[in-house]
C-alpha cells in the first residue's frame, strides 16, 4: 500500500481489486492498495508533423506541411482542473469548421480541396 501523487500534467489510472470490474479509477493523488495497480499517464498534447504530398487539378505536385496536435479535449481538461464550465457540441463543430475554412482558403489558390 502506498500513497501516489501525480505531476501537474499527469493522472493515475488505478485498476485491480476493489475497483468496479471493467472500469478504471482516474485520480490525481490517492492510495494504491495491495492487488491494485497504479499507472501514470500524461495528458500533455503532442505534435506530429508530416509533409503531405498532394496534386492539383492540373496535375501539379506540391508538398503541404501539416502539423497535427493530439491531446485531451479542452472541455475535459477544464473539467479535470475543477472548472464547472461545459462546452456545447455546436461550439466544437463551429471551431472545426472554422479551421477547415481557413485551410481551404489557403489551399484554394492551388485548386486543392479540403474536407
PDB file of N, CA and C in Angstrom:
ATOM      1  N   UNK A   1       0.852  -1.167   0.000  1.00  0.00           N
ATOM      2  CA  UNK A   1       0.000   0.000   0.000  1.00  0.00           C
ATOM      3  C   UNK A   1       0.901   1.233   0.000  1.00  0.00           C
ATOM      4  N   UNK A   2       0.601   2.163  -0.898  1.00  0.00           N
ATOM      5  CA  UNK A   2       1.371   3.396  -0.945  1.00  0.00           C
ATOM      6  C   UNK A   2       0.479   4.533  -1.436  1.00  0.00           C
ATOM      7  N   UNK A   3       0.875   5.739  -1.066  1.00  0.00           N
ATOM      8  CA  UNK A   3       0.166   6.941  -1.476  1.00  0.00           C
ATOM      9  C   UNK A   3       0.871   7.489  -2.704  1.00  0.00           C
ATOM     10  N   UNK A   4       0.140   7.701  -3.777  1.00  0.00           N
ATOM     11  CA  UNK A   4       0.733   8.128  -5.035  1.00  0.00           C
ATOM     12  C   UNK A   4       0.219   9.515  -5.406  1.00  0.00           C
ATOM     13  N   UNK A   5       1.130  10.365  -5.865  1.00  0.00           N
ATOM     14  CA  UNK A   5       0.790  11.720  -6.286  1.00  0.00           C
ATOM     15  C   UNK A   5       1.312  11.905  -7.706  1.00  0.00           C
ATOM     16  N   UNK A   6       0.475  12.458  -8.577  1.00  0.00           N
ATOM     17  CA  UNK A   6       0.883  12.657  -9.964  1.00  0.00           C
ATOM     18  C   UNK A   6       1.441  14.062 -10.171  1.00  0.00           C
ATOM     19  N   UNK A   7       2.175  14.219 -11.241  1.00  0.00           N
ATOM     20  CA  UNK A   7       2.672  15.529 -11.643  1.00  0.00           C
ATOM     21  C   UNK A   7       1.505  16.360 -12.196  1.00  0.00           C
ATOM     22  N   UNK A   8       1.683  17.680 -12.360  1.00  0.00           N
ATOM     23  CA  UNK A   8       0.577  18.517 -12.840  1.00  0.00           C
ATOM     24  C   UNK A   8       0.012  18.105 -14.200  1.00  0.00           C
ATOM     25  N   UNK A   9       0.827  17.538 -15.082  1.00  0.00           N
ATOM     26  CA  UNK A   9       0.341  17.147 -16.403  1.00  0.00           C
ATOM     27  C   UNK A   9       0.065  15.648 -16.498  1.00  0.00           C
ATOM     28  N   UNK A  10      -0.131  14.979 -15.369  1.00  0.00           N
ATOM     29  CA  UNK A  10      -0.359  13.539 -15.345  1.00  0.00           C
ATOM     30  C   UNK A  10      -1.606  13.194 -14.537  1.00  0.00           C
ATOM     31  N   UNK A  11      -2.100  11.981 -14.773  1.00  0.00           N
ATOM     32  CA  UNK A  11      -3.145  11.379 -13.965  1.00  0.00           C
ATOM     33  C   UNK A  11      -2.704   9.970 -13.629  1.00  0.00           C
ATOM     34  N   UNK A  12      -3.360   9.364 -12.661  1.00  0.00           N
ATOM     35  CA  UNK A  12      -3.057   7.994 -12.271  1.00  0.00           C
ATOM     36  C   UNK A  12      -4.288   7.144 -12.535  1.00  0.00           C
ATOM     37  N   UNK A  13      -4.110   6.049 -13.269  1.00  0.00           N
ATOM     38  CA  UNK A  13      -5.186   5.102 -13.540  1.00  0.00           C
ATOM     39  C   UNK A  13      -5.002   3.927 -12.584  1.00  0.00           C
ATOM     40  N   UNK A  14      -6.006   3.683 -11.753  1.00  0.00           N
ATOM     41  CA  UNK A  14      -5.940   2.606 -10.774  1.00  0.00           C
ATOM     42  C   UNK A  14      -6.878   1.493 -11.218  1.00  0.00           C
ATOM     43  N   UNK A  15      -6.338   0.275 -11.296  1.00  0.00           N
ATOM     44  CA  UNK A  15      -7.127  -0.903 -11.641  1.00  0.00           C
ATOM     45  C   UNK A  15      -6.832  -1.997 -10.630  1.00  0.00           C
ATOM     46  N   UNK A  16      -7.655  -3.032 -10.649  1.00  0.00           N
ATOM     47  CA  UNK A  16      -7.408  -4.175  -9.777  1.00  0.00           C
ATOM     48  C   UNK A  16      -8.494  -4.361  -8.750  1.00  0.00           C
ATOM     49  N   UNK A  17      -8.129  -5.034  -7.677  1.00  0.00           N
ATOM     50  CA  UNK A  17      -9.072  -5.407  -6.629  1.00  0.00           C
ATOM     51  C   UNK A  17      -9.684  -4.163  -5.960  1.00  0.00           C
ATOM     52  N   UNK A  18     -10.991  -4.156  -5.811  1.00  0.00           N
ATOM     53  CA  UNK A  18     -11.664  -3.040  -5.168  1.00  0.00           C
ATOM     54  C   UNK A  18     -12.180  -1.996  -6.138  1.00  0.00           C
ATOM     55  N   UNK A  19     -11.717  -2.031  -7.376  1.00  0.00           N
ATOM     56  CA  UNK A  19     -12.213  -1.125  -8.412  1.00  0.00           C
ATOM     57  C   UNK A  19     -13.273  -1.897  -9.180  1.00  0.00           C
ATOM     58  N   UNK A  20     -14.414  -1.266  -9.449  1.00  0.00           N
ATOM     59  CA  UNK A  20     -15.518  -1.932 -10.132  1.00  0.00           C
ATOM     60  C   UNK A  20     -14.994  -2.549 -11.431  1.00  0.00           C
ATOM     61  N   UNK A  21     -15.418  -3.808 -11.701  1.00  0.00           N
ATOM     62  CA  UNK A  21     -14.894  -4.502 -12.876  1.00  0.00           C
ATOM     63  C   UNK A  21     -15.238  -3.743 -14.148  1.00  0.00           C
ATOM     64  N   UNK A  22     -14.375  -3.846 -15.140  1.00  0.00           N
ATOM     65  CA  UNK A  22     -14.486  -3.168 -16.433  1.00  0.00           C
ATOM     66  C   UNK A  22     -14.413  -1.650 -16.303  1.00  0.00           C
ATOM     67  N   UNK A  23     -13.902  -1.149 -15.204  1.00  0.00           N
ATOM     68  CA  UNK A  23     -13.743   0.287 -15.043  1.00  0.00           C
ATOM     69  C   UNK A  23     -12.352   0.594 -14.509  1.00  0.00           C
ATOM     70  N   UNK A  24     -11.974   1.829 -14.661  1.00  0.00           N
ATOM     71  CA  UNK A  24     -10.687   2.311 -14.188  1.00  0.00           C
ATOM     72  C   UNK A  24     -10.941   3.551 -13.358  1.00  0.00           C
ATOM     73  N   UNK A  25     -10.295   3.647 -12.217  1.00  0.00           N
ATOM     74  CA  UNK A  25     -10.429   4.832 -11.370  1.00  0.00           C
ATOM     75  C   UNK A  25      -9.315   5.801 -11.737  1.00  0.00           C
ATOM     76  N   UNK A  26      -9.691   7.021 -12.157  1.00  0.00           N
ATOM     77  CA  UNK A  26      -8.726   8.047 -12.552  1.00  0.00           C
ATOM     78  C   UNK A  26      -8.606   9.052 -11.409  1.00  0.00           C
ATOM     79  N   UNK A  27      -7.383   9.232 -10.906  1.00  0.00           N
ATOM     80  CA  UNK A  27      -7.165  10.121  -9.764  1.00  0.00           C
ATOM     81  C   UNK A  27      -5.922  10.972  -9.995  1.00  0.00           C
ATOM     82  N   UNK A  28      -5.826  12.086  -9.271  1.00  0.00           N
ATOM     83  CA  UNK A  28      -4.613  12.904  -9.261  1.00  0.00           C
ATOM     84  C   UNK A  28      -3.686  12.455  -8.137  1.00  0.00           C
ATOM     85  N   UNK A  29      -4.271  12.048  -7.011  1.00  0.00           N
ATOM     86  CA  UNK A  29      -3.492  11.520  -5.893  1.00  0.00           C
ATOM     87  C   UNK A  29      -4.404  10.625  -5.073  1.00  0.00           C
ATOM     88  N   UNK A  30      -3.813   9.616  -4.467  1.00  0.00           N
ATOM     89  CA  UNK A  30      -4.611   8.714  -3.647  1.00  0.00           C
ATOM     90  C   UNK A  30      -3.850   7.449  -3.307  1.00  0.00           C
ATOM     91  N   UNK A  31      -4.525   6.596  -2.559  1.00  0.00           N
ATOM     92  CA  UNK A  31      -3.928   5.346  -2.105  1.00  0.00           C
ATOM     93  C   UNK A  31      -4.048   4.278  -3.180  1.00  0.00           C
ATOM     94  N   UNK A  32      -2.966   3.530  -3.372  1.00  0.00           N
ATOM     95  CA  UNK A  32      -2.974   2.348  -4.227  1.00  0.00           C
ATOM     96  C   UNK A  32      -2.745   1.167  -3.296  1.00  0.00           C
ATOM     97  N   UNK A  33      -3.767   0.331  -3.160  1.00  0.00           N
ATOM     98  CA  UNK A  33      -3.756  -0.779  -2.200  1.00  0.00           C
ATOM     99  C   UNK A  33      -3.139  -2.023  -2.814  1.00  0.00           C
ATOM    100  N   UNK A  34      -2.816  -3.029  -1.964  1.00  0.00           N
ATOM    101  CA  UNK A  34      -2.312  -4.298  -2.494  1.00  0.00           C
ATOM    102  C   UNK A  34      -3.306  -4.898  -3.487  1.00  0.00           C
ATOM    103  N   UNK A  35      -2.811  -5.564  -4.486  1.00  0.00           N
ATOM    104  CA  UNK A  35      -3.579  -6.165  -5.575  1.00  0.00           C
ATOM    105  C   UNK A  35      -4.237  -5.113  -6.470  1.00  0.00           C
ATOM    106  N   UNK A  36      -3.749  -3.896  -6.395  1.00  0.00           N
ATOM    107  CA  UNK A  36      -4.144  -2.845  -7.326  1.00  0.00           C
ATOM    108  C   UNK A  36      -2.900  -2.365  -8.055  1.00  0.00           C
ATOM    109  N   UNK A  37      -3.130  -1.785  -9.210  1.00  0.00           N
ATOM    110  CA  UNK A  37      -2.023  -1.249  -9.995  1.00  0.00           C
ATOM    111  C   UNK A  37      -2.307   0.212 -10.317  1.00  0.00           C
ATOM    112  N   UNK A  38      -1.352   1.070 -10.005  1.00  0.00           N
ATOM    113  CA  UNK A  38      -1.470   2.488 -10.319  1.00  0.00           C
ATOM    114  C   UNK A  38      -0.491   2.848 -11.424  1.00  0.00           C
ATOM    115  N   UNK A  39      -1.027   3.307 -12.550  1.00  0.00           N
ATOM    116  CA  UNK A  39      -0.189   3.616 -13.704  1.00  0.00           C
ATOM    117  C   UNK A  39      -0.354   5.089 -14.073  1.00  0.00           C
ATOM    118  N   UNK A  40       0.752   5.801 -14.157  1.00  0.00           N
ATOM    119  CA  UNK A  40       0.711   7.220 -14.521  1.00  0.00           C
ATOM    120  C   UNK A  40       0.635   7.363 -16.035  1.00  0.00           C
ATOM    121  N   UNK A  41      -0.141   8.361 -16.475  1.00  0.00           N
ATOM    122  CA  UNK A  41      -0.168   8.686 -17.899  1.00  0.00           C
ATOM    123  C   UNK A  41      -0.248  10.196 -18.063  1.00  0.00           C
ATOM    124  N   UNK A  42       0.393  10.667 -19.111  1.00  0.00           N
ATOM    125  CA  UNK A  42       0.491  12.095 -19.363  1.00  0.00           C
ATOM    126  C   UNK A  42      -0.667  12.558 -20.233  1.00  0.00           C
ATOM    127  N   UNK A  43      -1.156  13.759 -19.977  1.00  0.00           N
ATOM    128  CA  UNK A  43      -2.209  14.359 -20.789  1.00  0.00           C
ATOM    129  C   UNK A  43      -1.676  15.568 -21.546  1.00  0.00           C
ATOM    130  N   UNK A  44      -0.365  15.657 -21.663  1.00  0.00           N
ATOM    131  CA  UNK A  44       0.253  16.761 -22.371  1.00  0.00           C
ATOM    132  C   UNK A  44       0.081  16.548 -23.874  1.00  0.00           C
ATOM    133  N   UNK A  45      -0.376  17.571 -24.605  1.00  0.00           N
ATOM    134  CA  UNK A  45      -0.562  17.413 -26.055  1.00  0.00           C
ATOM    135  C   UNK A  45       0.756  17.120 -26.762  1.00  0.00           C
ATOM    136  N   UNK A  46       0.666  16.358 -27.841  1.00  0.00           N
ATOM    137  CA  UNK A  46       1.840  16.029 -28.639  1.00  0.00           C
ATOM    138  C   UNK A  46       1.614  16.513 -30.067  1.00  0.00           C
ATOM    139  N   UNK A  47       2.677  16.985 -30.696  1.00  0.00           N
ATOM    140  CA  UNK A  47       2.614  17.467 -32.067  1.00  0.00           C
ATOM    141  C   UNK A  47       3.245  16.441 -32.996  1.00  0.00           C
ATOM    142  N   UNK A  48       2.560  16.174 -34.107  1.00  0.00           N
ATOM    143  CA  UNK A  48       3.083  15.294 -35.151  1.00  0.00           C
ATOM    144  C   UNK A  48       3.086  16.091 -36.448  1.00  0.00           C
ATOM    145  N   UNK A  49       4.236  16.203 -37.075  1.00  0.00           N
ATOM    146  CA  UNK A  49       4.319  16.953 -38.320  1.00  0.00           C
ATOM    147  C   UNK A  49       4.669  16.007 -39.464  1.00  0.00           C
ATOM    148  N   UNK A  50       3.984  16.216 -40.594  1.00  0.00           N
ATOM    149  CA  UNK A  50       4.246  15.416 -41.790  1.00  0.00           C
ATOM    150  C   UNK A  50       4.209  16.350 -42.996  1.00  0.00           C
ATOM    151  N   UNK A  51       4.807  15.916 -44.075  1.00  0.00           N
ATOM    152  CA  UNK A  51       4.710  16.614 -45.346  1.00  0.00           C
ATOM    153  C   UNK A  51       3.733  15.842 -46.218  1.00  0.00           C
ATOM    154  N   UNK A  52       2.607  16.441 -46.497  1.00  0.00           N
ATOM    155  CA  UNK A  52       1.559  15.803 -47.276  1.00  0.00           C
ATOM    156  C   UNK A  52       1.805  16.074 -48.752  1.00  0.00           C
ATOM    157  N   UNK A  53       1.941  15.020 -49.526  1.00  0.00           N
ATOM    158  CA  UNK A  53       2.153  15.169 -50.955  1.00  0.00           C
ATOM    159  C   UNK A  53       0.792  15.213 -51.621  1.00  0.00           C
ATOM    160  N   UNK A  54       0.510  16.288 -52.336  1.00  0.00           N
ATOM    161  CA  UNK A  54      -0.798  16.482 -52.956  1.00  0.00           C
ATOM    162  C   UNK A  54      -0.618  16.866 -54.418  1.00  0.00           C
ATOM    163  N   UNK A  55      -1.750  16.879 -55.133  1.00  0.00           N
ATOM    164  CA  UNK A  55      -1.710  17.210 -56.544  1.00  0.00           C
ATOM    165  C   UNK A  55      -2.903  18.090 -56.877  1.00  0.00           C
ATOM    166  N   UNK A  56      -2.673  19.106 -57.690  1.00  0.00           N
ATOM    167  CA  UNK A  56      -3.755  19.997 -58.104  1.00  0.00           C
ATOM    168  C   UNK A  56      -4.538  19.355 -59.248  1.00  0.00           C
ATOM    169  N   UNK A  57      -5.616  20.036 -59.655  1.00  0.00           N
ATOM    170  CA  UNK A  57      -6.409  19.545 -60.777  1.00  0.00           C
ATOM    171  C   UNK A  57      -5.603  19.526 -62.065  1.00  0.00           C
ATOM    172  N   UNK A  58      -4.628  20.415 -62.152  1.00  0.00           N
ATOM    173  CA  UNK A  58      -3.783  20.488 -63.342  1.00  0.00           C
ATOM    174  C   UNK A  58      -2.606  19.500 -63.269  1.00  0.00           C
ATOM    175  N   UNK A  59      -2.635  18.601 -62.312  1.00  0.00           N
ATOM    176  CA  UNK A  59      -1.611  17.562 -62.129  1.00  0.00           C
ATOM    177  C   UNK A  59      -0.255  18.122 -61.729  1.00  0.00           C
ATOM    178  N   UNK A  60      -0.260  19.226 -60.962  1.00  0.00           N
ATOM    179  CA  UNK A  60       0.976  19.778 -60.424  1.00  0.00           C
ATOM    180  C   UNK A  60       1.145  19.281 -58.993  1.00  0.00           C
ATOM    181  N   UNK A  61       2.281  18.656 -58.710  1.00  0.00           N
ATOM    182  CA  UNK A  61       2.528  18.131 -57.374  1.00  0.00           C
ATOM    183  C   UNK A  61       3.114  19.211 -56.479  1.00  0.00           C
ATOM    184  N   UNK A  62       2.747  19.143 -55.197  1.00  0.00           N
ATOM    185  CA  UNK A  62       3.324  20.047 -54.209  1.00  0.00           C
ATOM    186  C   UNK A  62       3.296  19.365 -52.849  1.00  0.00           C
ATOM    187  N   UNK A  63       4.176  19.827 -51.968  1.00  0.00           N
ATOM    188  CA  UNK A  63       4.231  19.321 -50.599  1.00  0.00           C
ATOM    189  C   UNK A  63       3.557  20.322 -49.680  1.00  0.00           C
ATOM    190  N   UNK A  64       2.665  19.837 -48.856  1.00  0.00           N
ATOM    191  CA  UNK A  64       1.942  20.678 -47.921  1.00  0.00           C
ATOM    192  C   UNK A  64       2.346  20.270 -46.507  1.00  0.00           C
ATOM    193  N   UNK A  65       3.081  21.110 -45.784  1.00  0.00           N
ATOM    194  CA  UNK A  65       3.448  20.743 -44.414  1.00  0.00           C
ATOM    195  C   UNK A  65       2.219  20.798 -43.508  1.00  0.00           C
ATOM    196  N   UNK A  66       1.992  19.716 -42.751  1.00  0.00           N
ATOM    197  CA  UNK A  66       0.827  19.595 -41.884  1.00  0.00           C
ATOM    198  C   UNK A  66       1.302  19.243 -40.481  1.00  0.00           C
ATOM    199  N   UNK A  67       0.711  19.896 -39.491  1.00  0.00           N
ATOM    200  CA  UNK A  67       1.028  19.591 -38.094  1.00  0.00           C
ATOM    201  C   UNK A  67      -0.267  19.220 -37.388  1.00  0.00           C
ATOM    202  N   UNK A  68      -0.297  18.030 -36.791  1.00  0.00           N
ATOM    203  CA  UNK A  68      -1.435  17.563 -36.015  1.00  0.00           C
ATOM    204  C   UNK A  68      -1.064  17.641 -34.544  1.00  0.00           C
ATOM    205  N   UNK A  69      -1.931  18.221 -33.746  1.00  0.00           N
ATOM    206  CA  UNK A  69      -1.746  18.237 -32.301  1.00  0.00           C
ATOM    207  C   UNK A  69      -2.771  17.299 -31.697  1.00  0.00           C
ATOM    208  N   UNK A  70      -2.280  16.272 -31.023  1.00  0.00           N
ATOM    209  CA  UNK A  70      -3.150  15.274 -30.412  1.00  0.00           C
ATOM    210  C   UNK A  70      -3.057  15.438 -28.911  1.00  0.00           C
ATOM    211  N   UNK A  71      -4.197  15.634 -28.275  1.00  0.00           N
ATOM    212  CA  UNK A  71      -4.236  15.818 -26.834  1.00  0.00           C
ATOM    213  C   UNK A  71      -5.649  15.658 -26.322  1.00  0.00           C
ATOM    214  N   UNK A  72      -5.833  15.835 -25.054  1.00  0.00           N
ATOM    215  CA  UNK A  72      -7.168  15.693 -24.488  1.00  0.00           C
ATOM    216  C   UNK A  72      -8.082  16.816 -24.944  1.00  0.00           C
ATOM    217  N   UNK A  73      -9.391  16.554 -24.866  1.00  0.00           N
ATOM    218  CA  UNK A  73     -10.390  17.564 -25.212  1.00  0.00           C
ATOM    219  C   UNK A  73     -10.272  18.737 -24.254  1.00  0.00           C
ATOM    220  N   UNK A  74     -10.373  19.944 -24.769  1.00  0.00           N
ATOM    221  CA  UNK A  74     -10.224  21.147 -23.942  1.00  0.00           C
ATOM    222  C   UNK A  74     -11.272  21.168 -22.843  1.00  0.00           C
ATOM    223  N   UNK A  75     -12.503  20.783 -23.176  1.00  0.00           N
ATOM    224  CA  UNK A  75     -13.563  20.771 -22.171  1.00  0.00           C
ATOM    225  C   UNK A  75     -13.268  19.759 -21.067  1.00  0.00           C
ATOM    226  N   UNK A  76     -12.702  18.612 -21.449  1.00  0.00           N
ATOM    227  CA  UNK A  76     -12.358  17.590 -20.464  1.00  0.00           C
ATOM    228  C   UNK A  76     -11.242  18.083 -19.552  1.00  0.00           C
ATOM    229  N   UNK A  77     -10.239  18.749 -20.116  1.00  0.00           N
ATOM    230  CA  UNK A  77      -9.139  19.254 -19.295  1.00  0.00           C
ATOM    231  C   UNK A  77      -9.645  20.295 -18.311  1.00  0.00           C
ATOM    232  N   UNK A  78     -10.579  21.141 -18.741  1.00  0.00           N
ATOM    233  CA  UNK A  78     -11.153  22.144 -17.845  1.00  0.00           C
ATOM    234  C   UNK A  78     -11.931  21.504 -16.721  1.00  0.00           C
ATOM    235  N   UNK A  79     -12.670  20.433 -17.047  1.00  0.00           N
ATOM    236  CA  UNK A  79     -13.450  19.745 -16.013  1.00  0.00           C
ATOM    237  C   UNK A  79     -12.520  19.081 -15.009  1.00  0.00           C
ATOM    238  N   UNK A  80     -11.417  18.516 -15.487  1.00  0.00           N
ATOM    239  CA  UNK A  80     -10.477  17.870 -14.584  1.00  0.00           C
ATOM    240  C   UNK A  80      -9.769  18.870 -13.694  1.00  0.00           C
ATOM    241  N   UNK A  81      -9.616  20.097 -14.175  1.00  0.00           N
ATOM    242  CA  UNK A  81      -8.938  21.115 -13.380  1.00  0.00           C
ATOM    243  C   UNK A  81      -9.862  21.716 -12.329  1.00  0.00           C
ATOM    244  N   UNK A  82     -11.110  21.298 -12.311  1.00  0.00           N
ATOM    245  CA  UNK A  82     -12.026  21.793 -11.298  1.00  0.00           C
ATOM    246  C   UNK A  82     -12.983  22.850 -11.820  1.00  0.00           C
ATOM    247  N   UNK A  83     -12.919  23.146 -13.102  1.00  0.00           N
ATOM    248  CA  UNK A  83     -13.856  24.108 -13.664  1.00  0.00           C
ATOM    249  C   UNK A  83     -15.201  23.435 -13.891  1.00  0.00           C
ATOM    250  N   UNK A  84     -16.266  24.169 -13.736  1.00  0.00           N
ATOM    251  CA  UNK A  84     -17.606  23.624 -13.935  1.00  0.00           C
ATOM    252  C   UNK A  84     -18.093  23.931 -15.348  1.00  0.00           C
ATOM    253  N   UNK A  85     -17.311  24.662 -16.080  1.00  0.00           N
ATOM    254  CA  UNK A  85     -17.690  25.093 -17.416  1.00  0.00           C
ATOM    255  C   UNK A  85     -17.773  23.895 -18.358  1.00  0.00           C
ATOM    256  N   UNK A  86     -18.898  23.780 -19.073  1.00  0.00           N
ATOM    257  CA  UNK A  86     -19.067  22.717 -20.051  1.00  0.00           C
ATOM    258  C   UNK A  86     -19.334  23.346 -21.403  1.00  0.00           C
ATOM    259  N   UNK A  87     -18.636  22.862 -22.421  1.00  0.00           N
ATOM    260  CA  UNK A  87     -18.836  23.387 -23.765  1.00  0.00           C
ATOM    261  C   UNK A  87     -19.918  22.605 -24.480  1.00  0.00           C
ATOM    262  N   UNK A  88     -20.584  23.248 -25.395  1.00  0.00           N
ATOM    263  CA  UNK A  88     -21.597  22.552 -26.162  1.00  0.00           C
ATOM    264  C   UNK A  88     -20.971  22.024 -27.439  1.00  0.00           C
ATOM    265  N   UNK A  89     -21.579  21.007 -28.008  1.00  0.00           N
ATOM    266  CA  UNK A  89     -21.039  20.383 -29.208  1.00  0.00           C
ATOM    267  C   UNK A  89     -21.123  21.318 -30.403  1.00  0.00           C
ATOM    268  N   UNK A  90     -22.078  22.236 -30.412  1.00  0.00           N
ATOM    269  CA  UNK A  90     -22.179  23.181 -31.524  1.00  0.00           C
ATOM    270  C   UNK A  90     -20.929  24.044 -31.594  1.00  0.00           C
ATOM    271  N   UNK A  91     -20.399  24.451 -30.461  1.00  0.00           N
ATOM    272  CA  UNK A  91     -19.177  25.253 -30.432  1.00  0.00           C
ATOM    273  C   UNK A  91     -17.995  24.484 -30.974  1.00  0.00           C
ATOM    274  N   UNK A  92     -17.917  23.179 -30.647  1.00  0.00           N
ATOM    275  CA  UNK A  92     -16.820  22.353 -31.145  1.00  0.00           C
ATOM    276  C   UNK A  92     -16.912  22.215 -32.659  1.00  0.00           C
ATOM    277  N   UNK A  93     -18.133  22.020 -33.172  1.00  0.00           N
ATOM    278  CA  UNK A  93     -18.324  21.862 -34.608  1.00  0.00           C
ATOM    279  C   UNK A  93     -17.985  23.163 -35.329  1.00  0.00           C
ATOM    280  N   UNK A  94     -18.371  24.301 -34.745  1.00  0.00           N
ATOM    281  CA  UNK A  94     -18.046  25.590 -35.359  1.00  0.00           C
ATOM    282  C   UNK A  94     -16.542  25.793 -35.406  1.00  0.00           C
ATOM    283  N   UNK A  95     -15.834  25.401 -34.362  1.00  0.00           N
ATOM    284  CA  UNK A  95     -14.379  25.538 -34.337  1.00  0.00           C
ATOM    285  C   UNK A  95     -13.717  24.687 -35.401  1.00  0.00           C
ATOM    286  N   UNK A  96     -14.200  23.454 -35.568  1.00  0.00           N
ATOM    287  CA  UNK A  96     -13.637  22.570 -36.594  1.00  0.00           C
ATOM    288  C   UNK A  96     -13.919  23.129 -37.977  1.00  0.00           C
ATOM    289  N   UNK A  97     -15.142  23.620 -38.178  1.00  0.00           N
ATOM    290  CA  UNK A  97     -15.499  24.165 -39.486  1.00  0.00           C
ATOM    291  C   UNK A  97     -14.662  25.405 -39.805  1.00  0.00           C
ATOM    292  N   UNK A  98     -14.400  26.227 -38.780  1.00  0.00           N
ATOM    293  CA  UNK A  98     -13.579  27.423 -38.983  1.00  0.00           C
ATOM    294  C   UNK A  98     -12.168  27.031 -39.416  1.00  0.00           C
ATOM    295  N   UNK A  99     -11.606  25.984 -38.787  1.00  0.00           N
ATOM    296  CA  UNK A  99     -10.260  25.526 -39.157  1.00  0.00           C
ATOM    297  C   UNK A  99     -10.243  25.003 -40.590  1.00  0.00           C
ATOM    298  N   UNK A 100     -11.264  24.233 -40.969  1.00  0.00           N
ATOM    299  CA  UNK A 100     -11.333  23.708 -42.335  1.00  0.00           C
ATOM    300  C   UNK A 100     -11.465  24.854 -43.332  1.00  0.00           C
ATOM    301  N   UNK A 101     -12.276  25.875 -42.998  1.00  0.00           N
ATOM    302  CA  UNK A 101     -12.442  27.022 -43.888  1.00  0.00           C
ATOM    303  C   UNK A 101     -11.135  27.777 -44.078  1.00  0.00           C
ATOM    304  N   UNK A 102     -10.366  27.960 -43.003  1.00  0.00           N
ATOM    305  CA  UNK A 102      -9.092  28.668 -43.107  1.00  0.00           C
ATOM    306  C   UNK A 102      -8.099  27.898 -43.974  1.00  0.00           C
ATOM    307  N   UNK A 103      -8.051  26.581 -43.794  1.00  0.00           N
ATOM    308  CA  UNK A 103      -7.153  25.765 -44.621  1.00  0.00           C
ATOM    309  C   UNK A 103      -7.621  25.781 -46.070  1.00  0.00           C
ATOM    310  N   UNK A 104      -8.941  25.739 -46.275  1.00  0.00           N
ATOM    311  CA  UNK A 104      -9.487  25.769 -47.635  1.00  0.00           C
ATOM    312  C   UNK A 104      -9.133  27.069 -48.337  1.00  0.00           C
ATOM    313  N   UNK A 105      -9.242  28.187 -47.622  1.00  0.00           N
ATOM    314  CA  UNK A 105      -8.906  29.479 -48.222  1.00  0.00           C
ATOM    315  C   UNK A 105      -7.437  29.536 -48.621  1.00  0.00           C
ATOM    316  N   UNK A 106      -6.585  28.905 -47.834  1.00  0.00           N
ATOM    317  CA  UNK A 106      -5.165  28.872 -48.155  1.00  0.00           C
ATOM    318  C   UNK A 106      -4.895  27.941 -49.332  1.00  0.00           C
ATOM    319  N   UNK A 107      -5.629  26.830 -49.383  1.00  0.00           N
ATOM    320  CA  UNK A 107      -5.381  25.823 -50.415  1.00  0.00           C
ATOM    321  C   UNK A 107      -6.113  26.124 -51.717  1.00  0.00           C
ATOM    322  N   UNK A 108      -7.143  26.950 -51.707  1.00  0.00           N
ATOM    323  CA  UNK A 108      -7.924  27.215 -52.913  1.00  0.00           C
ATOM    324  C   UNK A 108      -7.117  27.812 -54.058  1.00  0.00           C
ATOM    325  N   UNK A 109      -6.160  28.713 -53.827  1.00  0.00           N
ATOM    326  CA  UNK A 109      -5.372  29.196 -54.965  1.00  0.00           C
ATOM    327  C   UNK A 109      -4.641  28.080 -55.705  1.00  0.00           C
ATOM    328  N   UNK A 110      -4.358  26.974 -55.033  1.00  0.00           N
ATOM    329  CA  UNK A 110      -3.690  25.844 -55.666  1.00  0.00           C
ATOM    330  C   UNK A 110      -4.695  24.814 -56.157  1.00  0.00           C
ATOM    331  N   UNK A 111      -5.993  25.147 -56.134  1.00  0.00           N
ATOM    332  CA  UNK A 111      -7.073  24.245 -56.551  1.00  0.00           C
ATOM    333  C   UNK A 111      -7.078  22.945 -55.766  1.00  0.00           C
ATOM    334  N   UNK A 112      -6.789  23.011 -54.476  1.00  0.00           N
ATOM    335  CA  UNK A 112      -6.818  21.828 -53.622  1.00  0.00           C
ATOM    336  C   UNK A 112      -8.123  21.831 -52.841  1.00  0.00           C
ATOM    337  N   UNK A 113      -8.706  20.642 -52.664  1.00  0.00           N
ATOM    338  CA  UNK A 113      -9.949  20.507 -51.912  1.00  0.00           C
ATOM    339  C   UNK A 113      -9.633  20.081 -50.486  1.00  0.00           C
ATOM    340  N   UNK A 114     -10.364  20.634 -49.528  1.00  0.00           N
ATOM    341  CA  UNK A 114     -10.190  20.300 -48.123  1.00  0.00           C
ATOM    342  C   UNK A 114     -11.504  19.787 -47.581  1.00  0.00           C
ATOM    343  N   UNK A 115     -11.451  18.644 -46.905  1.00  0.00           N
ATOM    344  CA  UNK A 115     -12.677  18.059 -46.343  1.00  0.00           C
ATOM    345  C   UNK A 115     -12.590  18.023 -44.853  1.00  0.00           C
TER     346      UNK A 115
END
